[in-house]
Amino acid sequence: MVWQEAAQLPDIYKMGSRFAGLRPVSIITHMIFLYVAFHAAVAA
């Protein structure tokens, strides 16, 4: 289950990178999102 969640992270990162180009602040928000999503997958 953890690996399945981790496999989706690259796709989420690509989607986030599109908005990151528009708003620099979103980069920090996106990194936090990946951090929370990753640990949520590990805890699950």
PDB file of N, CA and C in Angstrom:
ATOM      1  N   MET A   1       0.840  -1.207   0.000  1.00  0.00           N
ATOM      2  CA  MET A   1       0.000   0.000   0.000  1.00  0.00           C
ATOM      3  C   MET A   1       0.874   1.254   0.000  1.00  0.00           C
ATOM      4  N   VAL A   2       1.949   1.196   0.743  1.00  0.00           N
ATOM      5  CA  VAL A   2       2.851   2.349   0.817  1.00  0.00           C
ATOM      6  C   VAL A   2       3.470   2.642  -0.546  1.00  0.00           C
ATOM      7  N   TRP A   3       3.864   1.571  -1.243  1.00  0.00           N
ATOM      8  CA  TRP A   3       4.507   1.760  -2.540  1.00  0.00           C
ATOM      9  C   TRP A   3       3.520   2.297  -3.569  1.00  0.00           C
ATOM     10  N   GLN A   4       2.247   1.906  -3.435  1.00  0.00           N
ATOM     11  CA  GLN A   4       1.232   2.405  -4.359  1.00  0.00           C
ATOM     12  C   GLN A   4       1.050   3.910  -4.181  1.00  0.00           C
ATOM     13  N   GLU A   5       1.067   4.359  -2.935  1.00  0.00           N
ATOM     14  CA  GLU A   5       0.928   5.790  -2.655  1.00  0.00           C
ATOM     15  C   GLU A   5       2.164   6.539  -3.146  1.00  0.00           C
ATOM     16  N   ALA A   6       3.331   5.939  -2.931  1.00  0.00           N
ATOM     17  CA  ALA A   6       4.586   6.579  -3.329  1.00  0.00           C
ATOM     18  C   ALA A   6       4.668   6.704  -4.848  1.00  0.00           C
ATOM     19  N   ALA A   7       4.062   5.753  -5.552  1.00  0.00           N
ATOM     20  CA  ALA A   7       4.095   5.770  -7.013  1.00  0.00           C
ATOM     21  C   ALA A   7       3.265   6.922  -7.568  1.00  0.00           C
ATOM     22  N   GLN A   8       2.313   7.400  -6.780  1.00  0.00           N
ATOM     23  CA  GLN A   8       1.454   8.488  -7.232  1.00  0.00           C
ATOM     24  C   GLN A   8       2.086   9.858  -6.978  1.00  0.00           C
ATOM     25  N   LEU A   9       3.104   9.910  -6.139  1.00  0.00           N
ATOM     26  CA  LEU A   9       3.739  11.181  -5.798  1.00  0.00           C
ATOM     27  C   LEU A   9       4.314  11.912  -7.011  1.00  0.00           C
ATOM     28  N   PRO A  10       5.003  11.209  -7.936  1.00  0.00           N
ATOM     29  CA  PRO A  10       5.543  11.908  -9.114  1.00  0.00           C
ATOM     30  C   PRO A  10       4.454  12.604  -9.921  1.00  0.00           C
ATOM     31  N   ASP A  11       3.293  11.957 -10.070  1.00  0.00           N
ATOM     32  CA  ASP A  11       2.195  12.562 -10.822  1.00  0.00           C
ATOM     33  C   ASP A  11       1.679  13.799 -10.106  1.00  0.00           C
ATOM     34  N   ILE A  12       1.577  13.706  -8.773  1.00  0.00           N
ATOM     35  CA  ILE A  12       1.116  14.843  -7.981  1.00  0.00           C
ATOM     36  C   ILE A  12       2.128  15.983  -8.086  1.00  0.00           C
ATOM     37  N   TYR A  13       3.411  15.622  -8.109  1.00  0.00           N
ATOM     38  CA  TYR A  13       4.458  16.638  -8.190  1.00  0.00           C
ATOM     39  C   TYR A  13       4.400  17.365  -9.534  1.00  0.00           C
ATOM     40  N   LYS A  14       4.143  16.621 -10.606  1.00  0.00           N
ATOM     41  CA  LYS A  14       4.058  17.231 -11.939  1.00  0.00           C
ATOM     42  C   LYS A  14       2.882  18.194 -12.006  1.00  0.00           C
ATOM     43  N   MET A  15       1.761  17.807 -11.391  1.00  0.00           N
ATOM     44  CA  MET A  15       0.579  18.660 -11.385  1.00  0.00           C
ATOM     45  C   MET A  15       0.856  19.924 -10.581  1.00  0.00           C
ATOM     46  N   GLY A  16       1.547  19.765  -9.463  1.00  0.00           N
ATOM     47  CA  GLY A  16       1.852  20.898  -8.603  1.00  0.00           C
ATOM     48  C   GLY A  16       2.870  21.835  -9.226  1.00  0.00           C
ATOM     49  N   SER A  17       3.790  21.276 -10.009  1.00  0.00           N
ATOM     50  CA  SER A  17       4.842  22.091 -10.619  1.00  0.00           C
ATOM     51  C   SER A  17       4.263  23.089 -11.611  1.00  0.00           C
ATOM     52  N   ARG A  18       3.109  22.761 -12.183  1.00  0.00           N
ATOM     53  CA  ARG A  18       2.472  23.666 -13.147  1.00  0.00           C
ATOM     54  C   ARG A  18       2.025  24.941 -12.443  1.00  0.00           C
ATOM     55  N   PHE A  19       1.469  24.777 -11.236  1.00  0.00           N
ATOM     56  CA  PHE A  19       1.005  25.926 -10.468  1.00  0.00           C
ATOM     57  C   PHE A  19       2.180  26.614  -9.777  1.00  0.00           C
ATOM     58  N   ALA A  20       3.251  25.871  -9.560  1.00  0.00           N
ATOM     59  CA  ALA A  20       4.419  26.428  -8.892  1.00  0.00           C
ATOM     60  C   ALA A  20       5.048  27.521  -9.757  1.00  0.00           C
ATOM     61  N   GLY A  21       4.922  27.385 -11.073  1.00  0.00           N
ATOM     62  CA  GLY A  21       5.477  28.375 -11.984  1.00  0.00           C
ATOM     63  C   GLY A  21       4.712  29.685 -11.910  1.00  0.00           C
ATOM     64  N   LEU A  22       3.443  29.599 -11.535  1.00  0.00           N
ATOM     65  CA  LEU A  22       2.610  30.798 -11.446  1.00  0.00           C
ATOM     66  C   LEU A  22       2.773  31.489 -10.099  1.00  0.00           C
ATOM     67  N   ARG A  23       2.820  30.660  -9.046  1.00  0.00           N
ATOM     68  CA  ARG A  23       2.923  31.222  -7.695  1.00  0.00           C
ATOM     69  C   ARG A  23       4.086  30.579  -6.943  1.00  0.00           C
ATOM     70  N   PRO A  24       5.177  31.325  -6.714  1.00  0.00           N
ATOM     71  CA  PRO A  24       6.353  30.810  -6.001  1.00  0.00           C
ATOM     72  C   PRO A  24       6.001  30.266  -4.623  1.00  0.00           C
ATOM     73  N   VAL A  25       4.991  30.851  -3.990  1.00  0.00           N
ATOM     74  CA  VAL A  25       4.608  30.424  -2.645  1.00  0.00           C
ATOM     75  C   VAL A  25       4.068  28.996  -2.675  1.00  0.00           C
ATOM     76  N   SER A  26       3.489  28.609  -3.807  1.00  0.00           N
ATOM     77  CA  SER A  26       2.894  27.285  -3.918  1.00  0.00           C
ATOM     78  C   SER A  26       3.953  26.188  -3.849  1.00  0.00           C
ATOM     79  N   ILE A  27       5.196  26.556  -4.136  1.00  0.00           N
ATOM     80  CA  ILE A  27       6.286  25.582  -4.069  1.00  0.00           C
ATOM     81  C   ILE A  27       6.436  25.075  -2.638  1.00  0.00           C
ATOM     82  N   ILE A  28       6.435  26.009  -1.690  1.00  0.00           N
ATOM     83  CA  ILE A  28       6.557  25.641  -0.284  1.00  0.00           C
ATOM     84  C   ILE A  28       5.338  24.837   0.149  1.00  0.00           C
ATOM     85  N   THR A  29       4.167  25.294  -0.273  1.00  0.00           N
ATOM     86  CA  THR A  29       2.926  24.598   0.069  1.00  0.00           C
ATOM     87  C   THR A  29       2.922  23.196  -0.514  1.00  0.00           C
ATOM     88  N   HIS A  30       3.450  23.055  -1.721  1.00  0.00           N
ATOM     89  CA  HIS A  30       3.476  21.762  -2.386  1.00  0.00           C
ATOM     90  C   HIS A  30       4.422  20.802  -1.675  1.00  0.00           C
ATOM     91  N   MET A  31       5.571  21.320  -1.238  1.00  0.00           N
ATOM     92  CA  MET A  31       6.533  20.485  -0.530  1.00  0.00           C
ATOM     93  C   MET A  31       5.946  19.988   0.775  1.00  0.00           C
ATOM     94  N   ILE A  32       5.204  20.868   1.461  1.00  0.00           N
ATOM     95  CA  ILE A  32       4.557  20.477   2.712  1.00  0.00           C
ATOM     96  C   ILE A  32       3.501  19.411   2.431  1.00  0.00           C
ATOM     97  N   PHE A  33       2.783  19.578   1.322  1.00  0.00           N
ATOM     98  CA  PHE A  33       1.746  18.620   0.952  1.00  0.00           C
ATOM     99  C   PHE A  33       2.350  17.241   0.702  1.00  0.00           C
ATOM    100  N   LEU A  34       3.471  17.207  -0.014  1.00  0.00           N
ATOM    101  CA  LEU A  34       4.137  15.939  -0.292  1.00  0.00           C
ATOM    102  C   LEU A  34       4.633  15.301   0.998  1.00  0.00           C
ATOM    103  N   TYR A  35       5.132  16.124   1.920  1.00  0.00           N
ATOM    104  CA  TYR A  35       5.639  15.632   3.197  1.00  0.00           C
ATOM    105  C   TYR A  35       4.519  14.977   3.991  1.00  0.00           C
ATOM    106  N   VAL A  36       3.373  15.659   4.065  1.00  0.00           N
ATOM    107  CA  VAL A  36       2.223  15.136   4.811  1.00  0.00           C
ATOM    108  C   VAL A  36       1.653  13.899   4.127  1.00  0.00           C
ATOM    109  N   ALA A  37       1.543  13.948   2.806  1.00  0.00           N
ATOM    110  CA  ALA A  37       0.979  12.826   2.054  1.00  0.00           C
ATOM    111  C   ALA A  37       1.863  11.590   2.179  1.00  0.00           C
ATOM    112  N   PHE A  38       3.183  11.800   2.171  1.00  0.00           N
ATOM    113  CA  PHE A  38       4.114  10.680   2.270  1.00  0.00           C
ATOM    114  C   PHE A  38       4.013  10.009   3.634  1.00  0.00           C
ATOM    115  N   HIS A  39       4.016  10.797   4.686  1.00  0.00           N
ATOM    116  CA  HIS A  39       3.945  10.249   6.037  1.00  0.00           C
ATOM    117  C   HIS A  39       2.572   9.650   6.324  1.00  0.00           C
ATOM    118  N   ALA A  40       1.552  10.183   5.668  1.00  0.00           N
ATOM    119  CA  ALA A  40       0.207   9.624   5.831  1.00  0.00           C
ATOM    120  C   ALA A  40       0.156   8.235   5.195  1.00  0.00           C
ATOM    121  N   ALA A  41       0.879   8.071   4.081  1.00  0.00           N
ATOM    122  CA  ALA A  41       0.914   6.780   3.404  1.00  0.00           C
ATOM    123  C   ALA A  41       1.701   5.765   4.237  1.00  0.00           C
ATOM    124  N   VAL A  42       2.749   6.238   4.890  1.00  0.00           N
ATOM    125  CA  VAL A  42       3.575   5.355   5.716  1.00  0.00           C
ATOM    126  C   VAL A  42       2.811   4.919   6.960  1.00  0.00           C
ATOM    127  N   ALA A  43       2.056   5.854   7.522  1.00  0.00           N
ATOM    128  CA  ALA A  43       1.308   5.564   8.746  1.00  0.00           C
ATOM    129  C   ALA A  43       0.108   4.661   8.460  1.00  0.00           C
ATOM    130  N   ALA A  44      -0.391   4.705   7.233  1.00  0.00           N
ATOM    131  CA  ALA A  44      -1.576   3.915   6.883  1.00  0.00           C
ATOM    132  C   ALA A  44      -1.251   2.423   6.854  1.00  0.00           C
TER     133      ALA A  44
END
